[in-house]
């Protein structure tokens, strides 16, 4: 989670691909890594995660009811929203 928040793409790749970390884990705010990457406005990380964890693109955070796509639109991050739609099939 911290690697997503800090935008460490290579660390995130290692955790998912080599260490086999569970991409469905959530933080105390019920946010997935993808939602965190969107909130932190990290284009490369959102692109990677939207391809890697397509089944979580539509995950709805129970704390605020937002999906990654809703968070991107709410924050006026339309380039991120476009990536989620095209690559993550949101």
C-alpha atoms as a PDB file:
ATOM      1  CA  UNK A   1       0.000   0.000   0.000  1.00  0.00           C
ATOM      2  CA  UNK A   2       2.785   2.410   0.924  1.00  0.00           C
ATOM      3  CA  UNK A   3       4.596   1.675  -2.340  1.00  0.00           C
ATOM      4  CA  UNK A   4       1.441   2.708  -4.222  1.00  0.00           C
ATOM      5  CA  UNK A   5       1.056   5.840  -2.146  1.00  0.00           C
ATOM      6  CA  UNK A   6       4.673   6.824  -2.782  1.00  0.00           C
ATOM      7  CA  UNK A   7       4.492   5.888  -6.473  1.00  0.00           C
ATOM      8  CA  UNK A   8       7.178   3.211  -6.431  1.00  0.00           C
ATOM      9  CA  UNK A   9       6.142   1.412  -9.612  1.00  0.00           C
ATOM     10  CA  UNK A  10       9.065  -1.019  -9.673  1.00  0.00           C
ATOM     11  CA  UNK A  11       8.423  -2.010  -6.048  1.00  0.00           C
ATOM     12  CA  UNK A  12       4.733  -2.564  -6.814  1.00  0.00           C
ATOM     13  CA  UNK A  13       5.647  -4.680  -9.839  1.00  0.00           C
ATOM     14  CA  UNK A  14       8.004  -6.757  -7.715  1.00  0.00           C
ATOM     15  CA  UNK A  15       5.400  -7.254  -5.004  1.00  0.00           C
ATOM     16  CA  UNK A  16       2.720  -8.435  -7.432  1.00  0.00           C
ATOM     17  CA  UNK A  17       4.827 -10.360  -9.934  1.00  0.00           C
ATOM     18  CA  UNK A  18       7.637 -11.846  -7.845  1.00  0.00           C
ATOM     19  CA  UNK A  19       6.404 -11.861  -4.241  1.00  0.00           C
ATOM     20  CA  UNK A  20       2.854 -12.747  -5.356  1.00  0.00           C
ATOM     21  CA  UNK A  21       1.262 -10.110  -3.102  1.00  0.00           C
ATOM     22  CA  UNK A  22      -2.533 -10.178  -3.041  1.00  0.00           C
ATOM     23  CA  UNK A  23      -3.817  -7.201  -5.105  1.00  0.00           C
ATOM     24  CA  UNK A  24      -7.233  -7.408  -3.443  1.00  0.00           C
ATOM     25  CA  UNK A  25      -5.877  -6.329  -0.052  1.00  0.00           C
ATOM     26  CA  UNK A  26      -7.234  -3.028   1.232  1.00  0.00           C
ATOM     27  CA  UNK A  27      -5.953  -0.481   3.729  1.00  0.00           C
ATOM     28  CA  UNK A  28      -7.798   0.744   6.844  1.00  0.00           C
ATOM     29  CA  UNK A  29      -9.814   3.076   4.594  1.00  0.00           C
ATOM     30  CA  UNK A  30     -10.914   0.103   2.445  1.00  0.00           C
ATOM     31  CA  UNK A  31      -8.865   1.365  -0.519  1.00  0.00           C
ATOM     32  CA  UNK A  32      -7.158  -0.973  -2.977  1.00  0.00           C
ATOM     33  CA  UNK A  33      -3.754  -0.152  -4.438  1.00  0.00           C
ATOM     34  CA  UNK A  34      -5.522   1.045  -7.576  1.00  0.00           C
ATOM     35  CA  UNK A  35      -7.703   3.503  -5.678  1.00  0.00           C
ATOM     36  CA  UNK A  36      -4.624   4.754  -3.829  1.00  0.00           C
ATOM     37  CA  UNK A  37      -2.735   5.226  -7.111  1.00  0.00           C
ATOM     38  CA  UNK A  38      -5.665   7.217  -8.515  1.00  0.00           C
ATOM     39  CA  UNK A  39      -5.921   9.311  -5.354  1.00  0.00           C
ATOM     40  CA  UNK A  40      -2.178  10.030  -5.602  1.00  0.00           C
ATOM     41  CA  UNK A  41      -2.556  10.846  -9.310  1.00  0.00           C
ATOM     42  CA  UNK A  42       0.144   8.441 -10.475  1.00  0.00           C
ATOM     43  CA  UNK A  43      -0.411   7.864 -14.182  1.00  0.00           C
ATOM     44  CA  UNK A  44       2.125   5.054 -14.678  1.00  0.00           C
ATOM     45  CA  UNK A  45       0.993   3.161 -11.600  1.00  0.00           C
ATOM     46  CA  UNK A  46      -2.679   3.468 -12.581  1.00  0.00           C
ATOM     47  CA  UNK A  47      -1.854   2.175 -16.061  1.00  0.00           C
ATOM     48  CA  UNK A  48       0.036  -0.820 -14.655  1.00  0.00           C
ATOM     49  CA  UNK A  49      -2.537  -1.659 -11.991  1.00  0.00           C
ATOM     50  CA  UNK A  50      -5.554  -1.261 -14.284  1.00  0.00           C
ATOM     51  CA  UNK A  51      -4.046  -3.907 -16.563  1.00  0.00           C
ATOM     52  CA  UNK A  52      -2.833  -6.152 -13.752  1.00  0.00           C
ATOM     53  CA  UNK A  53      -5.932  -6.145 -11.526  1.00  0.00           C
ATOM     54  CA  UNK A  54      -8.815  -5.669 -13.953  1.00  0.00           C
ATOM     55  CA  UNK A  55     -11.172  -7.488 -11.595  1.00  0.00           C
ATOM     56  CA  UNK A  56     -10.626  -4.715  -9.021  1.00  0.00           C
ATOM     57  CA  UNK A  57     -11.207  -1.739 -11.317  1.00  0.00           C
ATOM     58  CA  UNK A  58     -14.859  -1.652 -10.264  1.00  0.00           C
ATOM     59  CA  UNK A  59     -14.161  -2.271  -6.550  1.00  0.00           C
ATOM     60  CA  UNK A  60     -16.261   0.127  -4.477  1.00  0.00           C
ATOM     61  CA  UNK A  61     -14.650   1.485  -1.331  1.00  0.00           C
ATOM     62  CA  UNK A  62     -17.015   0.904   1.598  1.00  0.00           C
ATOM     63  CA  UNK A  63     -15.855   4.063   3.417  1.00  0.00           C
ATOM     64  CA  UNK A  64     -16.884   6.526   0.714  1.00  0.00           C
ATOM     65  CA  UNK A  65     -18.604   4.450  -1.969  1.00  0.00           C
ATOM     66  CA  UNK A  66     -16.127   5.452  -4.676  1.00  0.00           C
ATOM     67  CA  UNK A  67     -14.558   3.236  -7.295  1.00  0.00           C
ATOM     68  CA  UNK A  68     -11.180   4.117  -8.817  1.00  0.00           C
ATOM     69  CA  UNK A  69     -13.016   5.616 -11.811  1.00  0.00           C
ATOM     70  CA  UNK A  70     -15.324   7.689  -9.619  1.00  0.00           C
ATOM     71  CA  UNK A  71     -12.305   8.958  -7.645  1.00  0.00           C
ATOM     72  CA  UNK A  72     -10.535   9.968 -10.870  1.00  0.00           C
ATOM     73  CA  UNK A  73     -13.573  11.861 -12.165  1.00  0.00           C
ATOM     74  CA  UNK A  74     -14.234  13.492  -8.789  1.00  0.00           C
ATOM     75  CA  UNK A  75     -10.625  14.733  -8.723  1.00  0.00           C
ATOM     76  CA  UNK A  76     -10.848  15.981 -12.343  1.00  0.00           C
ATOM     77  CA  UNK A  77      -8.195  13.461 -13.374  1.00  0.00           C
ATOM     78  CA  UNK A  78      -9.691  12.666 -16.752  1.00  0.00           C
ATOM     79  CA  UNK A  79      -6.505  11.140 -18.164  1.00  0.00           C
ATOM     80  CA  UNK A  80      -6.562   8.619 -15.315  1.00  0.00           C
ATOM     81  CA  UNK A  81     -10.275   8.004 -15.933  1.00  0.00           C
ATOM     82  CA  UNK A  82      -9.520   7.363 -19.599  1.00  0.00           C
ATOM     83  CA  UNK A  83      -6.876   4.778 -18.680  1.00  0.00           C
ATOM     84  CA  UNK A  84      -9.289   3.021 -16.320  1.00  0.00           C
ATOM     85  CA  UNK A  85     -11.954   2.874 -19.024  1.00  0.00           C
ATOM     86  CA  UNK A  86      -9.691   1.786 -21.890  1.00  0.00           C
ATOM     87  CA  UNK A  87      -7.204  -0.468 -20.141  1.00  0.00           C
ATOM     88  CA  UNK A  88      -9.121  -1.553 -17.076  1.00  0.00           C
ATOM     89  CA  UNK A  89     -12.499  -1.875 -18.780  1.00  0.00           C
ATOM     90  CA  UNK A  90     -14.244   0.176 -16.085  1.00  0.00           C
END
